[in-house]
Amino acid sequence: MHLERLVDLLFSSPQRWMDWGRAVVFVSLGVLFLGLVARVALQGAAVVGSLAVGLNAPGRLSELLPSIPTWWVPETLSGFTLWLVIAAAGAMAARHGRYLKRLMEV
């Protein structure tokens, strides 16, 4: 019974697929942008650390910003790949919604 309601919910409104897909793409691209900004900040801190005597450069974003939770910001290739896959899944959901909308109009 719950599975039938879930299927009805998903396939009754293709606009829902398109909205959720766009939202997922928007959020994942924002996180990827923040990851790039964090990468630049880490490189800048490494340059400053190399110029200063006795100052160790932070290797991770959590060392640079210890009071801010940064577990969701991608710092490695696998993190960036994961968020790219999430963005692709959102794009596919939006495309699937457009396809369903076209099918329902015919």
PDB file of N, CA and C in Angstrom:
ATOM      1  N   MET A   1       0.819  -1.182   0.000  1.00  0.00           N
ATOM      2  CA  MET A   1       0.000   0.000   0.000  1.00  0.00           C
ATOM      3  C   MET A   1       0.874   1.261   0.000  1.00  0.00           C
ATOM      4  N   HIS A   2       1.924   1.262   0.795  1.00  0.00           N
ATOM      5  CA  HIS A   2       2.807   2.425   0.835  1.00  0.00           C
ATOM      6  C   HIS A   2       3.582   2.573  -0.462  1.00  0.00           C
ATOM      7  N   LEU A   3       3.945   1.450  -1.066  1.00  0.00           N
ATOM      8  CA  LEU A   3       4.672   1.498  -2.328  1.00  0.00           C
ATOM      9  C   LEU A   3       3.793   2.078  -3.434  1.00  0.00           C
ATOM     10  N   GLU A   4       2.514   1.732  -3.423  1.00  0.00           N
ATOM     11  CA  GLU A   4       1.598   2.282  -4.427  1.00  0.00           C
ATOM     12  C   GLU A   4       1.457   3.793  -4.260  1.00  0.00           C
ATOM     13  N   ARG A   5       1.389   4.251  -3.013  1.00  0.00           N
ATOM     14  CA  ARG A   5       1.286   5.686  -2.777  1.00  0.00           C
ATOM     15  C   ARG A   5       2.552   6.410  -3.227  1.00  0.00           C
ATOM     16  N   LEU A   6       3.710   5.773  -3.014  1.00  0.00           N
ATOM     17  CA  LEU A   6       4.967   6.365  -3.448  1.00  0.00           C
ATOM     18  C   LEU A   6       5.021   6.467  -4.968  1.00  0.00           C
ATOM     19  N   VAL A   7       4.603   5.419  -5.661  1.00  0.00           N
ATOM     20  CA  VAL A   7       4.595   5.436  -7.126  1.00  0.00           C
ATOM     21  C   VAL A   7       3.626   6.496  -7.627  1.00  0.00           C
ATOM     22  N   ASP A   8       2.439   6.584  -7.011  1.00  0.00           N
ATOM     23  CA  ASP A   8       1.483   7.621  -7.404  1.00  0.00           C
ATOM     24  C   ASP A   8       2.049   9.011  -7.162  1.00  0.00           C
ATOM     25  N   LEU A   9       2.716   9.187  -6.060  1.00  0.00           N
ATOM     26  CA  LEU A   9       3.307  10.483  -5.744  1.00  0.00           C
ATOM     27  C   LEU A   9       4.376  10.869  -6.758  1.00  0.00           C
ATOM     28  N   LEU A  10       5.205   9.912  -7.145  1.00  0.00           N
ATOM     29  CA  LEU A  10       6.301  10.204  -8.061  1.00  0.00           C
ATOM     30  C   LEU A  10       5.826  10.441  -9.489  1.00  0.00           C
ATOM     31  N   PHE A  11       4.839   9.681  -9.926  1.00  0.00           N
ATOM     32  CA  PHE A  11       4.449   9.760 -11.328  1.00  0.00           C
ATOM     33  C   PHE A  11       3.215  10.606 -11.573  1.00  0.00           C
ATOM     34  N   SER A  12       2.598  11.142 -10.537  1.00  0.00           N
ATOM     35  CA  SER A  12       1.419  11.975 -10.751  1.00  0.00           C
ATOM     36  C   SER A  12       1.792  13.393 -11.176  1.00  0.00           C
ATOM     37  N   SER A  13       2.949  13.859 -10.773  1.00  0.00           N
ATOM     38  CA  SER A  13       3.349  15.226 -11.086  1.00  0.00           C
ATOM     39  C   SER A  13       4.778  15.257 -11.626  1.00  0.00           C
ATOM     40  N   PRO A  14       4.929  15.356 -12.942  1.00  0.00           N
ATOM     41  CA  PRO A  14       6.286  15.441 -13.499  1.00  0.00           C
ATOM     42  C   PRO A  14       7.000  16.736 -13.100  1.00  0.00           C
ATOM     43  N   GLN A  15       6.231  17.761 -12.764  1.00  0.00           N
ATOM     44  CA  GLN A  15       6.845  19.016 -12.337  1.00  0.00           C
ATOM     45  C   GLN A  15       7.657  18.816 -11.063  1.00  0.00           C
ATOM     46  N   ARG A  16       7.199  17.879 -10.217  1.00  0.00           N
ATOM     47  CA  ARG A  16       7.931  17.575  -8.985  1.00  0.00           C
ATOM     48  C   ARG A  16       9.315  17.019  -9.310  1.00  0.00           C
ATOM     49  N   TRP A  17       9.408  16.144 -10.305  1.00  0.00           N
ATOM     50  CA  TRP A  17      10.704  15.598 -10.732  1.00  0.00           C
ATOM     51  C   TRP A  17      11.610  16.723 -11.224  1.00  0.00           C
ATOM     52  N   MET A  18      11.025  17.620 -12.031  1.00  0.00           N
ATOM     53  CA  MET A  18      11.833  18.698 -12.591  1.00  0.00           C
ATOM     54  C   MET A  18      12.306  19.655 -11.497  1.00  0.00           C
ATOM     55  N   ASP A  19      11.439  19.981 -10.558  1.00  0.00           N
ATOM     56  CA  ASP A  19      11.831  20.893  -9.475  1.00  0.00           C
ATOM     57  C   ASP A  19      12.896  20.290  -8.580  1.00  0.00           C
ATOM     58  N   TRP A  20      12.713  19.044  -8.176  1.00  0.00           N
ATOM     59  CA  TRP A  20      13.706  18.390  -7.313  1.00  0.00           C
ATOM     60  C   TRP A  20      15.027  18.196  -8.046  1.00  0.00           C
ATOM     61  N   GLY A  21      14.959  17.845  -9.320  1.00  0.00           N
ATOM     62  CA  GLY A  21      16.190  17.690 -10.093  1.00  0.00           C
ATOM     63  C   GLY A  21      16.970  18.978 -10.195  1.00  0.00           C
ATOM     64  N   ARG A  22      16.262  20.076 -10.471  1.00  0.00           N
ATOM     65  CA  ARG A  22      16.934  21.375 -10.550  1.00  0.00           C
ATOM     66  C   ARG A  22      17.515  21.780  -9.204  1.00  0.00           C
ATOM     67  N   ALA A  23      16.775  21.512  -8.127  1.00  0.00           N
ATOM     68  CA  ALA A  23      17.270  21.865  -6.792  1.00  0.00           C
ATOM     69  C   ALA A  23      18.535  21.075  -6.459  1.00  0.00           C
ATOM     70  N   VAL A  24      18.558  19.799  -6.796  1.00  0.00           N
ATOM     71  CA  VAL A  24      19.742  18.967  -6.525  1.00  0.00           C
ATOM     72  C   VAL A  24      20.937  19.462  -7.333  1.00  0.00           C
ATOM     73  N   VAL A  25      20.704  19.808  -8.592  1.00  0.00           N
ATOM     74  CA  VAL A  25      21.800  20.333  -9.423  1.00  0.00           C
ATOM     75  C   VAL A  25      22.313  21.649  -8.849  1.00  0.00           C
ATOM     76  N   PHE A  26      21.407  22.531  -8.455  1.00  0.00           N
ATOM     77  CA  PHE A  26      21.798  23.825  -7.904  1.00  0.00           C
ATOM     78  C   PHE A  26      22.630  23.659  -6.631  1.00  0.00           C
ATOM     79  N   VAL A  27      22.170  22.806  -5.728  1.00  0.00           N
ATOM     80  CA  VAL A  27      22.895  22.606  -4.459  1.00  0.00           C
ATOM     81  C   VAL A  27      24.251  21.960  -4.711  1.00  0.00           C
ATOM     82  N   SER A  28      24.293  20.943  -5.557  1.00  0.00           N
ATOM     83  CA  SER A  28      25.561  20.251  -5.780  1.00  0.00           C
ATOM     84  C   SER A  28      26.574  21.144  -6.492  1.00  0.00           C
ATOM     85  N   LEU A  29      26.123  21.981  -7.416  1.00  0.00           N
ATOM     86  CA  LEU A  29      27.060  22.903  -8.056  1.00  0.00           C
ATOM     87  C   LEU A  29      27.547  23.965  -7.069  1.00  0.00           C
ATOM     88  N   GLY A  30      26.683  24.372  -6.144  1.00  0.00           N
ATOM     89  CA  GLY A  30      27.113  25.299  -5.095  1.00  0.00           C
ATOM     90  C   GLY A  30      28.163  24.682  -4.191  1.00  0.00           C
ATOM     91  N   VAL A  31      27.969  23.423  -3.833  1.00  0.00           N
ATOM     92  CA  VAL A  31      28.953  22.734  -2.992  1.00  0.00           C
ATOM     93  C   VAL A  31      30.266  22.561  -3.744  1.00  0.00           C
ATOM     94  N   LEU A  32      30.193  22.256  -5.032  1.00  0.00           N
ATOM     95  CA  LEU A  32      31.419  22.145  -5.823  1.00  0.00           C
ATOM     96  C   LEU A  32      32.151  23.483  -5.892  1.00  0.00           C
ATOM     97  N   PHE A  33      31.408  24.580  -6.026  1.00  0.00           N
ATOM     98  CA  PHE A  33      32.028  25.902  -6.025  1.00  0.00           C
ATOM     99  C   PHE A  33      32.702  26.179  -4.681  1.00  0.00           C
ATOM    100  N   LEU A  34      32.024  25.836  -3.592  1.00  0.00           N
ATOM    101  CA  LEU A  34      32.636  26.025  -2.275  1.00  0.00           C
ATOM    102  C   LEU A  34      33.884  25.169  -2.117  1.00  0.00           C
ATOM    103  N   GLY A  35      33.879  23.982  -2.686  1.00  0.00           N
ATOM    104  CA  GLY A  35      35.066  23.137  -2.649  1.00  0.00           C
ATOM    105  C   GLY A  35      36.236  23.763  -3.389  1.00  0.00           C
ATOM    106  N   LEU A  36      35.941  24.385  -4.530  1.00  0.00           N
ATOM    107  CA  LEU A  36      37.015  25.069  -5.268  1.00  0.00           C
ATOM    108  C   LEU A  36      37.540  26.275  -4.496  1.00  0.00           C
ATOM    109  N   VAL A  37      36.632  27.035  -3.866  1.00  0.00           N
ATOM    110  CA  VAL A  37      37.053  28.179  -3.053  1.00  0.00           C
ATOM    111  C   VAL A  37      37.912  27.701  -1.878  1.00  0.00           C
ATOM    112  N   ALA A  38      37.512  26.593  -1.263  1.00  0.00           N
ATOM    113  CA  ALA A  38      38.291  26.045  -0.151  1.00  0.00           C
ATOM    114  C   ALA A  38      39.671  25.605  -0.624  1.00  0.00           C
ATOM    115  N   ARG A  39      39.723  25.043  -1.826  1.00  0.00           N
ATOM    116  CA  ARG A  39      41.012  24.609  -2.374  1.00  0.00           C
ATOM    117  C   ARG A  39      41.946  25.807  -2.585  1.00  0.00           C
ATOM    118  N   VAL A  40      41.375  26.903  -3.096  1.00  0.00           N
ATOM    119  CA  VAL A  40      42.169  28.120  -3.292  1.00  0.00           C
ATOM    120  C   VAL A  40      42.626  28.668  -1.943  1.00  0.00           C
ATOM    121  N   ALA A  41      41.743  28.648  -0.947  1.00  0.00           N
ATOM    122  CA  ALA A  41      42.113  29.142   0.387  1.00  0.00           C
ATOM    123  C   ALA A  41      43.233  28.301   0.993  1.00  0.00           C
ATOM    124  N   LEU A  42      43.161  26.998   0.810  1.00  0.00           N
ATOM    125  CA  LEU A  42      44.229  26.133   1.329  1.00  0.00           C
ATOM    126  C   LEU A  42      45.552  26.401   0.617  1.00  0.00           C
ATOM    127  N   GLN A  43      45.498  26.622  -0.681  1.00  0.00           N
ATOM    128  CA  GLN A  43      46.727  26.922  -1.414  1.00  0.00           C
ATOM    129  C   GLN A  43      47.305  28.260  -0.965  1.00  0.00           C
ATOM    130  N   GLY A  44      46.426  29.240  -0.732  1.00  0.00           N
ATOM    131  CA  GLY A  44      46.897  30.536  -0.237  1.00  0.00           C
ATOM    132  C   GLY A  44      47.520  30.425   1.140  1.00  0.00           C
ATOM    133  N   ALA A  45      46.906  29.623   2.009  1.00  0.00           N
ATOM    134  CA  ALA A  45      47.479  29.418   3.342  1.00  0.00           C
ATOM    135  C   ALA A  45      48.809  28.678   3.256  1.00  0.00           C
ATOM    136  N   ALA A  46      48.939  27.785   2.292  1.00  0.00           N
ATOM    137  CA  ALA A  46      50.207  27.071   2.128  1.00  0.00           C
ATOM    138  C   ALA A  46      51.313  28.007   1.658  1.00  0.00           C
ATOM    139  N   VAL A  47      50.962  28.953   0.787  1.00  0.00           N
ATOM    140  CA  VAL A  47      51.964  29.921   0.319  1.00  0.00           C
ATOM    141  C   VAL A  47      52.405  30.818   1.473  1.00  0.00           C
ATOM    142  N   VAL A  48      51.453  31.307   2.243  1.00  0.00           N
ATOM    143  CA  VAL A  48      51.792  32.150   3.390  1.00  0.00           C
ATOM    144  C   VAL A  48      52.601  31.355   4.407  1.00  0.00           C
ATOM    145  N   GLY A  49      52.220  30.096   4.616  1.00  0.00           N
ATOM    146  CA  GLY A  49      52.947  29.254   5.557  1.00  0.00           C
ATOM    147  C   GLY A  49      54.360  28.954   5.116  1.00  0.00           C
ATOM    148  N   SER A  50      54.563  28.879   3.816  1.00  0.00           N
ATOM    149  CA  SER A  50      55.920  28.614   3.341  1.00  0.00           C
ATOM    150  C   SER A  50      56.809  29.845   3.474  1.00  0.00           C
ATOM    151  N   LEU A  51      56.201  31.029   3.455  1.00  0.00           N
ATOM    152  CA  LEU A  51      56.999  32.242   3.602  1.00  0.00           C
ATOM    153  C   LEU A  51      57.339  32.534   5.058  1.00  0.00           C
ATOM    154  N   ALA A  52      56.460  32.151   5.967  1.00  0.00           N
ATOM    155  CA  ALA A  52      56.694  32.415   7.391  1.00  0.00           C
ATOM    156  C   ALA A  52      57.613  31.346   7.979  1.00  0.00           C
ATOM    157  N   VAL A  53      58.436  31.759   8.897  1.00  0.00           N
ATOM    158  CA  VAL A  53      59.367  30.830   9.534  1.00  0.00           C
ATOM    159  C   VAL A  53      58.661  30.151  10.700  1.00  0.00           C
ATOM    160  N   GLY A  54      58.691  28.832  10.710  1.00  0.00           N
ATOM    161  CA  GLY A  54      58.126  28.071  11.819  1.00  0.00           C
ATOM    162  C   GLY A  54      56.612  27.928  11.799  1.00  0.00           C
ATOM    163  N   LEU A  55      55.941  28.322  10.715  1.00  0.00           N
ATOM    164  CA  LEU A  55      54.485  28.213  10.627  1.00  0.00           C
ATOM    165  C   LEU A  55      54.144  27.052   9.708  1.00  0.00           C
ATOM    166  N   ASN A  56      53.396  26.090  10.245  1.00  0.00           N
ATOM    167  CA  ASN A  56      52.984  24.942   9.443  1.00  0.00           C
ATOM    168  C   ASN A  56      51.711  25.291   8.675  1.00  0.00           C
ATOM    169  N   ALA A  57      51.704  24.990   7.398  1.00  0.00           N
ATOM    170  CA  ALA A  57      50.529  25.251   6.566  1.00  0.00           C
ATOM    171  C   ALA A  57      49.480  24.169   6.816  1.00  0.00           C
ATOM    172  N   PRO A  58      48.207  24.552   6.894  1.00  0.00           N
ATOM    173  CA  PRO A  58      47.157  23.544   7.093  1.00  0.00           C
ATOM    174  C   PRO A  58      47.011  22.665   5.857  1.00  0.00           C
ATOM    175  N   GLY A  59      46.831  21.392   6.094  1.00  0.00           N
ATOM    176  CA  GLY A  59      46.687  20.451   4.990  1.00  0.00           C
ATOM    177  C   GLY A  59      45.233  20.199   4.623  1.00  0.00           C
ATOM    178  N   ARG A  60      44.320  20.422   5.568  1.00  0.00           N
ATOM    179  CA  ARG A  60      42.900  20.195   5.338  1.00  0.00           C
ATOM    180  C   ARG A  60      42.121  21.445   5.729  1.00  0.00           C
ATOM    181  N   LEU A  61      40.921  21.531   5.209  1.00  0.00           N
ATOM    182  CA  LEU A  61      40.075  22.679   5.502  1.00  0.00           C
ATOM    183  C   LEU A  61      39.677  22.719   6.970  1.00  0.00           C
ATOM    184  N   SER A  62      39.537  21.556   7.592  1.00  0.00           N
ATOM    185  CA  SER A  62      39.178  21.520   9.015  1.00  0.00           C
ATOM    186  C   SER A  62      40.298  22.074   9.890  1.00  0.00           C
ATOM    187  N   GLU A  63      41.527  22.039   9.433  1.00  0.00           N
ATOM    188  CA  GLU A  63      42.630  22.642  10.167  1.00  0.00           C
ATOM    189  C   GLU A  63      42.657  24.158   9.979  1.00  0.00           C
ATOM    190  N   LEU A  64      42.211  24.624   8.809  1.00  0.00           N
ATOM    191  CA  LEU A  64      42.189  26.054   8.530  1.00  0.00           C
ATOM    192  C   LEU A  64      41.025  26.739   9.247  1.00  0.00           C
ATOM    193  N   LEU A  65      39.862  26.067   9.307  1.00  0.00           N
ATOM    194  CA  LEU A  65      38.663  26.599   9.965  1.00  0.00           C
ATOM    195  C   LEU A  65      38.179  25.585  11.005  1.00  0.00           C
ATOM    196  N   PRO A  66      38.806  25.532  12.170  1.00  0.00           N
ATOM    197  CA  PRO A  66      38.472  24.471  13.129  1.00  0.00           C
ATOM    198  C   PRO A  66      37.093  24.595  13.761  1.00  0.00           C
ATOM    199  N   SER A  67      36.509  25.780  13.813  1.00  0.00           N
ATOM    200  CA  SER A  67      35.223  25.939  14.490  1.00  0.00           C
ATOM    201  C   SER A  67      34.023  25.779  13.557  1.00  0.00           C
ATOM    202  N   ILE A  68      34.259  25.614  12.268  1.00  0.00           N
ATOM    203  CA  ILE A  68      33.178  25.491  11.292  1.00  0.00           C
ATOM    204  C   ILE A  68      33.122  24.056  10.794  1.00  0.00           C
ATOM    205  N   PRO A  69      31.930  23.432  10.777  1.00  0.00           N
ATOM    206  CA  PRO A  69      31.831  22.069  10.243  1.00  0.00           C
ATOM    207  C   PRO A  69      32.024  22.070   8.720  1.00  0.00           C
ATOM    208  N   THR A  70      33.057  21.413   8.277  1.00  0.00           N
ATOM    209  CA  THR A  70      33.382  21.408   6.849  1.00  0.00           C
ATOM    210  C   THR A  70      33.393  19.998   6.270  1.00  0.00           C
ATOM    211  N   TRP A  71      32.696  19.064   6.893  1.00  0.00           N
ATOM    212  CA  TRP A  71      32.713  17.681   6.424  1.00  0.00           C
ATOM    213  C   TRP A  71      32.017  17.528   5.075  1.00  0.00           C
ATOM    214  N   TRP A  72      31.145  18.443   4.710  1.00  0.00           N
ATOM    215  CA  TRP A  72      30.388  18.326   3.461  1.00  0.00           C
ATOM    216  C   TRP A  72      31.070  19.008   2.282  1.00  0.00           C
ATOM    217  N   VAL A  73      32.143  19.750   2.531  1.00  0.00           N
ATOM    218  CA  VAL A  73      32.860  20.439   1.451  1.00  0.00           C
ATOM    219  C   VAL A  73      33.870  19.467   0.845  1.00  0.00           C
ATOM    220  N   PRO A  74      33.800  19.253  -0.467  1.00  0.00           N
ATOM    221  CA  PRO A  74      34.751  18.313  -1.079  1.00  0.00           C
ATOM    222  C   PRO A  74      36.165  18.885  -1.095  1.00  0.00           C
ATOM    223  N   GLU A  75      37.110  18.055  -0.690  1.00  0.00           N
ATOM    224  CA  GLU A  75      38.516  18.476  -0.681  1.00  0.00           C
ATOM    225  C   GLU A  75      39.383  17.567  -1.543  1.00  0.00           C
ATOM    226  N   THR A  76      38.888  16.389  -1.854  1.00  0.00           N
ATOM    227  CA  THR A  76      39.674  15.428  -2.619  1.00  0.00           C
ATOM    228  C   THR A  76      38.976  15.127  -3.939  1.00  0.00           C
ATOM    229  N   LEU A  77      39.659  14.393  -4.786  1.00  0.00           N
ATOM    230  CA  LEU A  77      39.091  14.011  -6.068  1.00  0.00           C
ATOM    231  C   LEU A  77      37.844  13.158  -5.887  1.00  0.00           C
ATOM    232  N   SER A  78      37.856  12.279  -4.902  1.00  0.00           N
ATOM    233  CA  SER A  78      36.673  11.437  -4.680  1.00  0.00           C
ATOM    234  C   SER A  78      35.482  12.268  -4.204  1.00  0.00           C
ATOM    235  N   GLY A  79      35.729  13.300  -3.396  1.00  0.00           N
ATOM    236  CA  GLY A  79      34.650  14.181  -2.962  1.00  0.00           C
ATOM    237  C   GLY A  79      34.054  14.964  -4.118  1.00  0.00           C
ATOM    238  N   PHE A  80      34.923  15.501  -4.975  1.00  0.00           N
ATOM    239  CA  PHE A  80      34.436  16.221  -6.147  1.00  0.00           C
ATOM    240  C   PHE A  80      33.682  15.285  -7.087  1.00  0.00           C
ATOM    241  N   THR A  81      34.168  14.058  -7.245  1.00  0.00           N
ATOM    242  CA  THR A  81      33.494  13.091  -8.102  1.00  0.00           C
ATOM    243  C   THR A  81      32.113  12.741  -7.554  1.00  0.00           C
ATOM    244  N   LEU A  82      32.019  12.563  -6.254  1.00  0.00           N
ATOM    245  CA  LEU A  82      30.726  12.262  -5.641  1.00  0.00           C
ATOM    246  C   LEU A  82      29.715  13.370  -5.905  1.00  0.00           C
ATOM    247  N   TRP A  83      30.117  14.619  -5.729  1.00  0.00           N
ATOM    248  CA  TRP A  83      29.192  15.721  -5.952  1.00  0.00           C
ATOM    249  C   TRP A  83      28.868  15.899  -7.430  1.00  0.00           C
ATOM    250  N   LEU A  84      29.787  15.555  -8.320  1.00  0.00           N
ATOM    251  CA  LEU A  84      29.471  15.570  -9.748  1.00  0.00           C
ATOM    252  C   LEU A  84      28.449  14.499 -10.096  1.00  0.00           C
ATOM    253  N   VAL A  85      28.563  13.333  -9.481  1.00  0.00           N
ATOM    254  CA  VAL A  85      27.580  12.265  -9.697  1.00  0.00           C
ATOM    255  C   VAL A  85      26.213  12.693  -9.168  1.00  0.00           C
ATOM    256  N   ILE A  86      26.183  13.364  -8.017  1.00  0.00           N
ATOM    257  CA  ILE A  86      24.915  13.853  -7.471  1.00  0.00           C
ATOM    258  C   ILE A  86      24.301  14.891  -8.412  1.00  0.00           C
ATOM    259  N   ALA A  87      25.128  15.776  -8.974  1.00  0.00           N
ATOM    260  CA  ALA A  87      24.618  16.764  -9.932  1.00  0.00           C
ATOM    261  C   ALA A  87      24.072  16.079 -11.179  1.00  0.00           C
ATOM    262  N   ALA A  88      24.758  15.047 -11.651  1.00  0.00           N
ATOM    263  CA  ALA A  88      24.277  14.310 -12.822  1.00  0.00           C
ATOM    264  C   ALA A  88      22.954  13.607 -12.521  1.00  0.00           C
ATOM    265  N   ALA A  89      22.802  13.066 -11.306  1.00  0.00           N
ATOM    266  CA  ALA A  89      21.545  12.434 -10.934  1.00  0.00           C
ATOM    267  C   ALA A  89      20.411  13.456 -10.900  1.00  0.00           C
ATOM    268  N   GLY A  90      20.681  14.651 -10.418  1.00  0.00           N
ATOM    269  CA  GLY A  90      19.674  15.708 -10.437  1.00  0.00           C
ATOM    270  C   GLY A  90      19.298  16.111 -11.848  1.00  0.00           C
ATOM    271  N   ALA A  91      20.285  16.211 -12.723  1.00  0.00           N
ATOM    272  CA  ALA A  91      20.004  16.549 -14.119  1.00  0.00           C
ATOM    273  C   ALA A  91      19.174  15.458 -14.786  1.00  0.00           C
ATOM    274  N   MET A  92      19.480  14.199 -14.472  1.00  0.00           N
ATOM    275  CA  MET A  92      18.689  13.104 -15.036  1.00  0.00           C
ATOM    276  C   MET A  92      17.260  13.107 -14.495  1.00  0.00           C
ATOM    277  N   ALA A  93      17.081  13.463 -13.231  1.00  0.00           N
ATOM    278  CA  ALA A  93      15.730  13.538 -12.658  1.00  0.00           C
ATOM    279  C   ALA A  93      14.933  14.651 -13.336  1.00  0.00           C
ATOM    280  N   ALA A  94      15.554  15.795 -13.567  1.00  0.00           N
ATOM    281  CA  ALA A  94      14.863  16.885 -14.257  1.00  0.00           C
ATOM    282  C   ALA A  94      14.515  16.491 -15.695  1.00  0.00           C
ATOM    283  N   ARG A  95      15.423  15.813 -16.346  1.00  0.00           N
ATOM    284  CA  ARG A  95      15.153  15.352 -17.722  1.00  0.00           C
ATOM    285  C   ARG A  95      14.041  14.317 -17.734  1.00  0.00           C
ATOM    286  N   HIS A  96      14.040  13.436 -16.749  1.00  0.00           N
ATOM    287  CA  HIS A  96      12.979  12.432 -16.644  1.00  0.00           C
ATOM    288  C   HIS A  96      11.623  13.105 -16.421  1.00  0.00           C
ATOM    289  N   GLY A  97      11.596  14.169 -15.633  1.00  0.00           N
ATOM    290  CA  GLY A  97      10.360  14.915 -15.415  1.00  0.00           C
ATOM    291  C   GLY A  97       9.846  15.555 -16.692  1.00  0.00           C
ATOM    292  N   ARG A  98      10.759  16.113 -17.487  1.00  0.00           N
ATOM    293  CA  ARG A  98      10.341  16.686 -18.775  1.00  0.00           C
ATOM    294  C   ARG A  98       9.791  15.607 -19.694  1.00  0.00           C
ATOM    295  N   TYR A  99      10.412  14.434 -19.681  1.00  0.00           N
ATOM    296  CA  TYR A  99       9.945  13.308 -20.502  1.00  0.00           C
ATOM    297  C   TYR A  99       8.564  12.847 -20.060  1.00  0.00           C
ATOM    298  N   LEU A 100       8.361  12.742 -18.740  1.00  0.00           N
ATOM    299  CA  LEU A 100       7.047  12.350 -18.238  1.00  0.00           C
ATOM    300  C   LEU A 100       5.986  13.384 -18.580  1.00  0.00           C
ATOM    301  N   LYS A 101       6.344  14.649 -18.485  1.00  0.00           N
ATOM    302  CA  LYS A 101       5.407  15.723 -18.821  1.00  0.00           C
ATOM    303  C   LYS A 101       4.991  15.633 -20.286  1.00  0.00           C
ATOM    304  N   ARG A 102       5.956  15.371 -21.154  1.00  0.00           N
ATOM    305  CA  ARG A 102       5.647  15.216 -22.583  1.00  0.00           C
ATOM    306  C   ARG A 102       4.737  14.019 -22.816  1.00  0.00           C
ATOM    307  N   LEU A 103       4.996  12.918 -22.102  1.00  0.00           N
ATOM    308  CA  LEU A 103       4.150  11.733 -22.261  1.00  0.00           C
ATOM    309  C   LEU A 103       2.727  11.963 -21.778  1.00  0.00           C
ATOM    310  N   MET A 104       2.577  12.734 -20.693  1.00  0.00           N
ATOM    311  CA  MET A 104       1.243  12.985 -20.154  1.00  0.00           C
ATOM    312  C   MET A 104       0.438  13.954 -21.014  1.00  0.00           C
ATOM    313  N   GLU A 105       1.117  14.822 -21.765  1.00  0.00           N
ATOM    314  CA  GLU A 105       0.422  15.772 -22.612  1.00  0.00           C
ATOM    315  C   GLU A 105      -0.101  15.128 -23.891  1.00  0.00           C
ATOM    316  N   VAL A 106       0.502  14.033 -24.300  1.00  0.00           N
ATOM    317  CA  VAL A 106       0.091  13.377 -25.554  1.00  0.00           C
ATOM    318  C   VAL A 106      -1.132  12.549 -25.353  1.00  0.00           C
TER     319      VAL A 106
END
